[in-house]
N, C-alpha and C. Protein backbone atom coordinates (compact mmCIF):
# COMPACT_ATOMS: atom_id res chain seq x y z
N UNK A 1 -60.10 -21.83 -127.02
CA UNK A 1 -59.03 -20.93 -127.57
C UNK A 1 -58.65 -19.84 -126.27
N UNK A 2 -57.27 -19.77 -126.36
CA UNK A 2 -56.96 -18.91 -125.43
C UNK A 2 -56.64 -17.54 -125.94
N UNK A 3 -56.96 -16.51 -125.25
CA UNK A 3 -57.19 -15.09 -125.88
C UNK A 3 -56.33 -14.27 -124.82
N UNK A 4 -55.25 -13.47 -125.43
CA UNK A 4 -54.47 -12.49 -124.81
C UNK A 4 -55.30 -11.29 -124.97
N UNK A 5 -55.57 -10.79 -123.73
CA UNK A 5 -56.19 -9.41 -123.68
C UNK A 5 -55.25 -8.19 -122.81
N UNK A 6 -55.33 -7.12 -123.25
CA UNK A 6 -54.61 -5.85 -122.83
C UNK A 6 -55.19 -4.48 -123.33
N UNK A 7 -55.05 -3.63 -122.41
CA UNK A 7 -55.57 -2.16 -122.67
C UNK A 7 -54.64 -1.34 -121.72
N UNK A 8 -54.64 -0.22 -122.29
CA UNK A 8 -54.07 0.86 -121.53
C UNK A 8 -55.09 1.48 -120.62
N UNK A 9 -54.89 2.61 -119.73
CA UNK A 9 -55.74 3.21 -118.98
C UNK A 9 -57.08 3.56 -119.37
N UNK A 10 -57.15 3.96 -120.78
CA UNK A 10 -58.34 4.56 -121.13
C UNK A 10 -59.24 3.22 -121.56
N UNK A 11 -58.63 2.04 -121.80
CA UNK A 11 -59.27 1.10 -122.29
C UNK A 11 -59.63 -0.02 -121.14
N UNK A 12 -59.08 0.41 -119.79
CA UNK A 12 -59.02 -0.45 -118.67
C UNK A 12 -60.46 -1.07 -118.20
N UNK A 13 -61.43 0.03 -117.99
CA UNK A 13 -62.62 -0.67 -117.56
C UNK A 13 -63.50 -1.34 -118.59
N UNK A 14 -63.34 -1.35 -119.90
CA UNK A 14 -64.07 -1.94 -120.91
C UNK A 14 -63.14 -3.33 -121.03
N UNK A 15 -61.91 -3.58 -120.91
CA UNK A 15 -60.98 -4.76 -120.68
C UNK A 15 -61.51 -5.68 -119.82
N UNK A 16 -61.95 -4.95 -118.51
CA UNK A 16 -62.55 -5.80 -117.51
C UNK A 16 -63.75 -6.42 -117.84
N UNK A 17 -64.57 -5.85 -118.55
CA UNK A 17 -65.75 -6.53 -118.97
C UNK A 17 -65.61 -7.39 -120.00
N UNK A 18 -64.90 -7.28 -120.92
CA UNK A 18 -64.45 -8.00 -122.07
C UNK A 18 -63.82 -9.22 -121.70
N UNK A 19 -63.10 -9.01 -120.83
CA UNK A 19 -62.30 -10.20 -120.30
C UNK A 19 -63.26 -11.22 -119.39
N UNK A 20 -64.14 -10.72 -118.70
CA UNK A 20 -65.10 -11.85 -118.24
C UNK A 20 -66.14 -12.20 -119.34
N UNK A 21 -66.42 -11.55 -120.27
CA UNK A 21 -67.03 -12.20 -121.56
C UNK A 21 -66.56 -13.17 -122.00
N UNK A 22 -65.31 -13.18 -122.28
CA UNK A 22 -64.34 -14.07 -122.95
C UNK A 22 -64.45 -15.42 -122.43
N UNK A 23 -64.28 -15.01 -120.89
CA UNK A 23 -64.36 -16.52 -120.04
C UNK A 23 -65.66 -17.03 -120.21
N UNK A 24 -66.75 -16.14 -120.15
CA UNK A 24 -68.37 -16.63 -120.06
C UNK A 24 -68.61 -17.34 -121.22
N UNK A 25 -67.64 -17.06 -122.52
CA UNK A 25 -67.91 -17.70 -123.93
C UNK A 25 -67.38 -19.17 -123.89
N UNK A 26 -66.39 -19.49 -122.94
CA UNK A 26 -65.72 -20.71 -122.70
C UNK A 26 -64.25 -20.51 -123.07
N UNK A 27 -63.57 -19.44 -123.24
CA UNK A 27 -62.21 -19.41 -123.84
C UNK A 27 -61.52 -18.87 -122.40
N UNK A 28 -60.19 -19.47 -122.47
CA UNK A 28 -58.99 -19.15 -121.44
C UNK A 28 -58.62 -17.57 -121.74
N UNK A 29 -58.48 -17.20 -120.73
CA UNK A 29 -58.02 -15.60 -120.93
C UNK A 29 -56.52 -15.57 -120.43
N UNK A 30 -55.74 -14.78 -121.09
CA UNK A 30 -54.20 -14.30 -120.54
C UNK A 30 -54.42 -12.67 -120.53
N UNK A 31 -54.55 -12.29 -119.24
CA UNK A 31 -54.81 -10.99 -119.10
C UNK A 31 -53.25 -10.33 -118.87
N UNK A 32 -53.10 -9.50 -119.89
CA UNK A 32 -51.64 -8.87 -119.72
C UNK A 32 -51.67 -7.30 -119.16
N UNK A 33 -52.64 -6.94 -118.59
CA UNK A 33 -52.68 -5.58 -118.24
C UNK A 33 -53.65 -4.59 -119.04
N UNK A 34 -53.59 -3.43 -118.67
CA UNK A 34 -53.28 -2.73 -117.51
C UNK A 34 -54.31 -3.23 -116.58
N UNK A 35 -53.91 -3.31 -114.97
CA UNK A 35 -54.69 -3.74 -113.99
C UNK A 35 -55.14 -2.68 -113.20
N UNK A 36 -55.27 -1.49 -113.55
CA UNK A 36 -55.78 -0.41 -112.99
C UNK A 36 -55.97 0.76 -114.13
N UNK A 37 -56.55 1.98 -113.73
CA UNK A 37 -56.78 2.97 -114.57
C UNK A 37 -55.75 4.18 -114.60
N UNK A 38 -54.62 3.90 -114.05
CA UNK A 38 -53.44 4.88 -113.81
C UNK A 38 -52.93 5.05 -115.28
N UNK A 39 -52.45 6.39 -115.48
CA UNK A 39 -52.00 6.61 -116.81
C UNK A 39 -50.94 5.56 -117.32
N UNK A 40 -51.14 4.93 -118.58
CA UNK A 40 -50.10 4.05 -119.10
C UNK A 40 -50.09 4.29 -120.56
N UNK A 41 -48.96 3.63 -121.33
CA UNK A 41 -48.58 3.80 -122.42
C UNK A 41 -48.96 2.56 -123.30
N UNK A 42 -50.07 3.09 -124.23
CA UNK A 42 -50.56 1.84 -125.14
C UNK A 42 -49.59 0.87 -125.77
N UNK A 43 -48.19 1.72 -126.35
CA UNK A 43 -47.37 0.63 -127.10
C UNK A 43 -47.00 -0.64 -126.23
N UNK A 44 -46.90 -0.40 -125.00
CA UNK A 44 -46.44 -1.49 -123.91
C UNK A 44 -47.68 -2.70 -123.96
N UNK A 45 -48.72 -2.31 -124.12
CA UNK A 45 -49.84 -3.45 -124.15
C UNK A 45 -50.05 -4.01 -125.49
N UNK A 46 -49.88 -3.42 -126.53
CA UNK A 46 -49.88 -4.00 -127.91
C UNK A 46 -48.57 -4.74 -127.95
N UNK A 47 -47.34 -4.45 -127.35
CA UNK A 47 -46.27 -5.47 -127.76
C UNK A 47 -46.64 -6.67 -126.77
N UNK A 48 -47.16 -6.74 -125.51
CA UNK A 48 -47.45 -7.93 -124.65
C UNK A 48 -48.34 -8.64 -125.32
N UNK A 49 -49.36 -8.19 -126.06
CA UNK A 49 -50.06 -9.03 -126.75
C UNK A 49 -49.70 -9.55 -127.91
N UNK A 50 -48.81 -8.91 -128.71
CA UNK A 50 -48.15 -9.31 -129.79
C UNK A 50 -46.90 -10.49 -129.48
N UNK A 51 -46.50 -10.22 -128.35
CA UNK A 51 -45.24 -11.13 -127.98
C UNK A 51 -46.03 -12.47 -127.68
N UNK A 52 -47.26 -12.50 -126.93
CA UNK A 52 -47.88 -13.70 -126.50
C UNK A 52 -48.43 -14.64 -127.62
N UNK A 53 -48.94 -13.70 -128.88
CA UNK A 53 -49.07 -14.47 -130.13
C UNK A 53 -47.82 -15.02 -130.47
N UNK A 54 -46.69 -14.20 -130.70
CA UNK A 54 -45.71 -14.76 -131.42
C UNK A 54 -44.98 -15.90 -130.68
N UNK A 55 -45.17 -16.06 -129.30
CA UNK A 55 -44.72 -17.08 -128.73
C UNK A 55 -45.50 -18.32 -128.51
N UNK A 56 -46.64 -18.21 -129.29
CA UNK A 56 -47.84 -19.33 -129.00
C UNK A 56 -48.30 -19.41 -127.98
N UNK A 57 -48.42 -18.49 -127.01
CA UNK A 57 -48.91 -18.47 -125.51
C UNK A 57 -50.54 -18.08 -125.58
N UNK A 58 -50.90 -17.59 -126.72
CA UNK A 58 -52.08 -17.39 -127.17
C UNK A 58 -52.50 -17.39 -128.66
N UNK A 59 -53.69 -17.66 -128.92
CA UNK A 59 -54.10 -17.85 -130.37
C UNK A 59 -54.49 -16.49 -130.88
N UNK A 60 -55.36 -15.85 -130.15
CA UNK A 60 -55.88 -14.65 -130.58
C UNK A 60 -55.72 -13.73 -129.47
N UNK A 61 -55.87 -12.32 -129.79
CA UNK A 61 -55.93 -11.37 -128.95
C UNK A 61 -56.85 -10.30 -129.11
N UNK A 62 -57.20 -9.34 -128.14
CA UNK A 62 -57.93 -8.35 -127.82
C UNK A 62 -57.09 -7.08 -127.38
N UNK A 63 -57.24 -6.14 -128.08
CA UNK A 63 -56.52 -4.86 -127.34
C UNK A 63 -57.37 -3.88 -127.52
N UNK A 64 -57.45 -3.08 -126.21
CA UNK A 64 -58.23 -1.77 -126.13
C UNK A 64 -57.60 -0.46 -125.77
N UNK A 65 -57.81 0.45 -126.24
CA UNK A 65 -57.21 1.83 -125.86
C UNK A 65 -58.36 2.91 -126.15
N UNK A 66 -58.17 4.15 -125.90
CA UNK A 66 -59.38 5.12 -126.16
C UNK A 66 -59.95 5.10 -127.46
N UNK A 67 -59.20 5.20 -128.55
CA UNK A 67 -59.75 5.39 -129.95
C UNK A 67 -59.59 4.04 -130.59
N UNK A 68 -58.37 3.19 -130.10
CA UNK A 68 -58.38 1.80 -130.96
C UNK A 68 -57.25 2.02 -131.77
N UNK A 69 -56.84 3.52 -132.15
CA UNK A 69 -55.84 3.73 -133.27
C UNK A 69 -54.48 3.36 -132.84
N UNK A 70 -54.23 3.85 -131.56
CA UNK A 70 -52.63 3.71 -131.15
C UNK A 70 -52.32 2.26 -130.85
N UNK A 71 -53.09 1.45 -130.33
CA UNK A 71 -52.86 -0.07 -130.32
C UNK A 71 -52.70 -0.85 -131.58
N UNK A 72 -53.57 -0.34 -132.78
CA UNK A 72 -53.61 -1.11 -133.92
C UNK A 72 -52.34 -0.80 -134.71
N UNK A 73 -51.83 0.55 -134.58
CA UNK A 73 -50.53 0.83 -135.14
C UNK A 73 -49.45 0.25 -134.71
N UNK A 74 -49.41 0.27 -133.31
CA UNK A 74 -48.09 -0.58 -132.36
C UNK A 74 -48.17 -1.91 -132.81
N UNK A 75 -49.23 -2.61 -132.57
CA UNK A 75 -49.49 -4.10 -132.71
C UNK A 75 -48.99 -4.59 -134.12
N UNK A 76 -49.45 -3.86 -135.13
CA UNK A 76 -49.18 -4.16 -136.67
C UNK A 76 -47.66 -4.02 -136.83
N UNK A 77 -46.68 -3.74 -135.79
CA UNK A 77 -45.41 -3.55 -136.14
C UNK A 77 -44.62 -4.84 -135.73
N UNK A 78 -45.46 -5.89 -135.27
CA UNK A 78 -44.81 -7.08 -135.01
C UNK A 78 -45.18 -8.28 -136.02
N UNK A 79 -44.07 -9.07 -136.31
CA UNK A 79 -44.19 -10.10 -137.27
C UNK A 79 -45.45 -11.23 -136.74
N UNK A 80 -46.37 -11.36 -137.55
CA UNK A 80 -47.47 -12.34 -137.61
C UNK A 80 -48.82 -11.73 -136.71
N UNK A 81 -48.57 -10.52 -136.42
CA UNK A 81 -49.82 -9.70 -135.79
C UNK A 81 -50.67 -9.19 -137.07
N UNK A 82 -51.97 -9.57 -136.97
CA UNK A 82 -52.89 -9.04 -138.00
C UNK A 82 -53.83 -8.40 -137.10
N UNK A 83 -53.73 -6.96 -136.61
CA UNK A 83 -54.69 -6.29 -135.86
C UNK A 83 -55.33 -5.34 -136.56
N UNK A 84 -56.82 -5.53 -136.12
CA UNK A 84 -57.78 -4.63 -136.96
C UNK A 84 -58.68 -3.98 -135.89
N UNK A 85 -59.05 -2.56 -136.14
CA UNK A 85 -59.96 -1.94 -135.26
C UNK A 85 -61.29 -2.20 -136.00
N UNK A 86 -62.39 -2.70 -135.02
CA UNK A 86 -63.53 -2.86 -135.53
C UNK A 86 -64.58 -2.46 -134.72
N UNK A 87 -65.50 -1.59 -135.18
CA UNK A 87 -66.63 -1.20 -134.61
C UNK A 87 -67.84 -1.50 -135.04
N UNK A 88 -67.86 -2.56 -135.90
CA UNK A 88 -69.27 -2.99 -136.50
C UNK A 88 -68.96 -4.74 -136.58
N UNK A 89 -70.03 -5.37 -136.23
CA UNK A 89 -70.09 -6.85 -136.38
C UNK A 89 -69.41 -7.41 -137.57
N UNK A 90 -69.82 -6.77 -138.69
CA UNK A 90 -69.57 -7.57 -140.02
C UNK A 90 -67.92 -7.37 -140.03
N UNK A 91 -67.09 -6.26 -139.75
CA UNK A 91 -65.82 -6.37 -139.90
C UNK A 91 -65.26 -7.23 -138.63
N UNK A 92 -65.86 -7.19 -137.70
CA UNK A 92 -65.19 -8.20 -136.57
C UNK A 92 -65.04 -9.88 -136.98
N UNK A 93 -66.29 -10.12 -137.79
CA UNK A 93 -66.01 -11.46 -138.17
C UNK A 93 -65.39 -11.81 -139.56
N UNK A 94 -65.61 -10.75 -140.45
CA UNK A 94 -65.08 -10.86 -141.85
C UNK A 94 -63.49 -10.77 -141.81
N UNK A 95 -62.93 -10.15 -140.88
CA UNK A 95 -61.65 -9.94 -140.66
C UNK A 95 -61.09 -11.03 -140.40
N UNK A 96 -61.57 -11.64 -139.52
CA UNK A 96 -61.11 -13.30 -139.16
C UNK A 96 -61.27 -14.21 -140.53
N UNK A 97 -62.42 -14.35 -141.22
CA UNK A 97 -62.67 -14.99 -142.04
C UNK A 97 -61.98 -14.73 -143.34
N UNK A 98 -61.93 -13.63 -143.87
CA UNK A 98 -61.20 -13.42 -145.07
C UNK A 98 -59.74 -12.90 -144.83
N UNK A 99 -59.16 -12.51 -143.66
CA UNK A 99 -57.97 -11.89 -143.56
C UNK A 99 -57.08 -12.43 -142.50
N UNK A 100 -57.60 -13.56 -141.90
CA UNK A 100 -57.14 -14.23 -140.73
C UNK A 100 -56.71 -13.34 -139.65
N UNK A 101 -57.38 -12.24 -139.30
CA UNK A 101 -56.92 -11.45 -138.31
C UNK A 101 -56.97 -11.86 -136.98
N UNK A 102 -55.92 -11.75 -136.25
CA UNK A 102 -55.73 -12.31 -134.92
C UNK A 102 -55.73 -11.54 -133.83
N UNK A 103 -55.98 -10.14 -133.90
CA UNK A 103 -56.24 -9.19 -132.88
C UNK A 103 -57.33 -8.28 -133.30
N UNK A 104 -58.28 -8.33 -132.39
CA UNK A 104 -59.53 -7.40 -132.44
C UNK A 104 -59.18 -6.26 -131.50
N UNK A 105 -59.25 -4.98 -132.04
CA UNK A 105 -59.07 -3.56 -131.45
C UNK A 105 -60.23 -3.08 -131.21
N UNK A 106 -60.45 -2.48 -130.14
CA UNK A 106 -61.68 -1.93 -129.60
C UNK A 106 -61.35 -0.39 -129.16
N UNK A 107 -62.04 0.57 -129.58
CA UNK A 107 -61.85 1.99 -129.03
C UNK A 107 -62.85 2.22 -127.78
N UNK A 108 -62.33 2.15 -126.74
CA UNK A 108 -63.42 2.21 -125.55
C UNK A 108 -64.06 3.61 -125.45
N UNK A 109 -63.40 4.62 -125.94
CA UNK A 109 -64.19 6.05 -126.05
C UNK A 109 -64.90 5.95 -127.16
N UNK A 110 -65.27 4.98 -128.06
CA UNK A 110 -65.87 5.03 -129.41
C UNK A 110 -67.10 4.50 -129.38
N UNK A 111 -67.01 3.10 -128.75
CA UNK A 111 -68.13 2.37 -128.86
C UNK A 111 -68.33 1.96 -127.02
N UNK A 112 -69.76 1.50 -127.11
CA UNK A 112 -70.03 1.21 -125.62
C UNK A 112 -70.09 -0.27 -125.52
N UNK A 113 -70.66 -0.67 -124.15
CA UNK A 113 -70.33 -1.76 -123.66
C UNK A 113 -71.01 -2.94 -124.57
N UNK A 114 -72.41 -2.66 -124.89
CA UNK A 114 -72.99 -3.46 -125.64
C UNK A 114 -72.58 -3.91 -127.14
N UNK A 115 -72.11 -2.91 -127.67
CA UNK A 115 -71.60 -3.04 -129.09
C UNK A 115 -70.12 -3.85 -128.92
N UNK A 116 -69.24 -3.54 -127.86
CA UNK A 116 -68.13 -4.32 -127.73
C UNK A 116 -68.40 -5.78 -127.55
N UNK A 117 -69.49 -6.00 -126.50
CA UNK A 117 -69.97 -7.46 -126.61
C UNK A 117 -70.35 -8.29 -127.94
N UNK A 118 -70.97 -7.49 -128.54
CA UNK A 118 -71.28 -8.09 -129.90
C UNK A 118 -70.12 -8.23 -130.68
N UNK A 119 -69.14 -7.51 -130.80
CA UNK A 119 -67.90 -7.46 -131.76
C UNK A 119 -67.01 -8.57 -131.25
N UNK A 120 -66.92 -8.89 -129.78
CA UNK A 120 -66.01 -9.83 -129.29
C UNK A 120 -66.74 -11.24 -129.70
N UNK A 121 -68.03 -11.37 -129.49
CA UNK A 121 -68.62 -12.49 -129.67
C UNK A 121 -68.65 -12.96 -131.28
N UNK A 122 -68.62 -12.03 -132.07
CA UNK A 122 -68.52 -12.09 -133.51
C UNK A 122 -67.14 -12.68 -133.94
N UNK A 123 -66.14 -12.08 -133.45
CA UNK A 123 -64.74 -12.10 -133.64
C UNK A 123 -64.28 -13.45 -133.10
N UNK A 124 -64.79 -13.80 -131.82
CA UNK A 124 -64.42 -15.30 -131.36
C UNK A 124 -65.19 -16.56 -131.97
N UNK A 125 -66.32 -16.26 -132.66
CA UNK A 125 -66.86 -17.26 -133.30
C UNK A 125 -66.57 -17.66 -134.83
N UNK A 126 -65.88 -16.69 -135.34
CA UNK A 126 -65.15 -16.64 -136.73
C UNK A 126 -64.15 -17.34 -136.84
N UNK A 127 -63.91 -18.09 -138.12
CA UNK A 127 -62.99 -18.93 -138.42
C UNK A 127 -62.17 -18.43 -139.76
N UNK A 128 -61.04 -18.59 -139.94
CA UNK A 128 -60.44 -18.19 -141.13
C UNK A 128 -60.92 -19.07 -142.33
N UNK A 129 -61.29 -18.80 -143.49
CA UNK A 129 -61.86 -19.70 -144.61
C UNK A 129 -60.52 -20.13 -145.37
N UNK A 130 -59.71 -21.08 -144.64
CA UNK A 130 -58.54 -21.70 -145.15
C UNK A 130 -58.83 -22.46 -146.55
N UNK A 131 -60.18 -22.61 -146.87
CA UNK A 131 -60.41 -23.81 -147.97
C UNK A 131 -60.49 -22.76 -149.28
N UNK A 132 -60.68 -21.40 -149.05
CA UNK A 132 -60.77 -20.45 -150.26
C UNK A 132 -59.50 -19.93 -150.82
N UNK A 133 -59.14 -20.45 -152.01
CA UNK A 133 -57.89 -20.26 -152.50
C UNK A 133 -57.49 -18.86 -152.66
N UNK A 134 -58.45 -17.91 -153.12
CA UNK A 134 -58.13 -16.42 -153.17
C UNK A 134 -57.79 -15.80 -151.79
N UNK A 135 -58.41 -16.27 -150.72
CA UNK A 135 -58.21 -15.81 -149.30
C UNK A 135 -56.55 -16.27 -149.10
N UNK A 136 -56.48 -17.53 -149.23
CA UNK A 136 -55.15 -17.98 -148.77
C UNK A 136 -53.97 -17.31 -149.77
N UNK A 137 -54.26 -17.07 -150.90
CA UNK A 137 -53.37 -16.50 -151.65
C UNK A 137 -52.98 -14.82 -151.30
N UNK A 138 -54.21 -14.34 -150.96
CA UNK A 138 -53.99 -12.96 -150.40
C UNK A 138 -53.31 -12.91 -148.90
N UNK A 139 -53.48 -13.89 -148.19
CA UNK A 139 -52.95 -13.74 -146.86
C UNK A 139 -51.57 -14.11 -146.99
N UNK A 140 -51.06 -14.89 -148.15
CA UNK A 140 -49.70 -15.24 -148.38
C UNK A 140 -48.81 -14.07 -149.05
N UNK A 141 -49.68 -13.17 -149.81
CA UNK A 141 -49.18 -12.24 -150.17
C UNK A 141 -48.83 -10.96 -148.91
N UNK A 142 -49.86 -10.90 -148.02
CA UNK A 142 -49.78 -10.07 -146.77
C UNK A 142 -48.24 -10.59 -145.91
N UNK A 143 -48.06 -12.06 -145.90
CA UNK A 143 -47.03 -12.63 -145.33
C UNK A 143 -45.86 -12.04 -146.02
N UNK A 144 -45.75 -12.33 -147.27
CA UNK A 144 -44.61 -11.90 -148.02
C UNK A 144 -44.11 -10.40 -147.93
N UNK A 145 -45.13 -9.65 -147.80
CA UNK A 145 -44.68 -8.23 -147.63
C UNK A 145 -44.10 -7.95 -146.15
N UNK A 146 -44.67 -8.65 -145.22
CA UNK A 146 -44.23 -8.73 -143.86
C UNK A 146 -42.85 -9.14 -143.88
N UNK A 147 -42.56 -10.34 -144.48
CA UNK A 147 -41.19 -10.88 -144.50
C UNK A 147 -40.18 -9.96 -144.92
N UNK A 148 -40.57 -9.27 -145.98
CA UNK A 148 -39.58 -8.40 -146.84
C UNK A 148 -39.28 -7.18 -146.00
N UNK A 149 -40.25 -6.53 -145.51
CA UNK A 149 -40.13 -5.29 -144.86
C UNK A 149 -39.92 -5.32 -143.31
N UNK A 150 -40.33 -6.29 -142.60
CA UNK A 150 -39.98 -6.34 -141.23
C UNK A 150 -38.57 -6.86 -140.95
N UNK A 151 -37.83 -7.17 -141.79
CA UNK A 151 -36.63 -7.90 -141.80
C UNK A 151 -35.38 -6.46 -141.79
N UNK A 152 -36.02 -5.56 -142.21
CA UNK A 152 -35.38 -4.12 -142.10
C UNK A 152 -35.98 -3.31 -141.27
N UNK A 153 -35.11 -2.23 -140.63
CA UNK A 153 -35.55 -1.33 -139.86
C UNK A 153 -35.47 0.08 -140.21
N UNK A 154 -35.65 0.16 -141.50
CA UNK A 154 -35.56 1.54 -142.04
C UNK A 154 -36.81 2.48 -141.81
N UNK A 155 -36.35 3.64 -141.53
CA UNK A 155 -37.30 4.87 -141.23
C UNK A 155 -38.09 5.33 -142.35
N UNK A 156 -39.32 5.54 -142.18
CA UNK A 156 -40.22 6.13 -142.94
C UNK A 156 -40.31 7.49 -143.09
């Protein structure tokens, strides 16, 4: 699988470790930055991963910032992106299996390296349960909401 990965300055060090773990698990990595720990803006990296998914350049993504909150919010503004912050292994695999989550978000200031490694492994091994009608029905409802509201740019 090809995985797009990106992080802001707060997530840079963890991104470097996660990138190597993904490669070690046999996946191809598309590293979209940051390439150092100089101050940067998390929306830029969320957008880069979202664009890679939308263009078919990657099948899934991993985003990392300090808390995980910022990149989650930004990434979910993009059509087809289903990003979720996960800090436990159940959510990391269940998000894919039940909700077809395609971006794992990690908070580098919230979890340690060992937990991050467990989450990435759980996420990458998980598959969407496409044969379960209830899960497909729910995903289609999410897509319908996305289709309706992402075509307008009204302010909240």
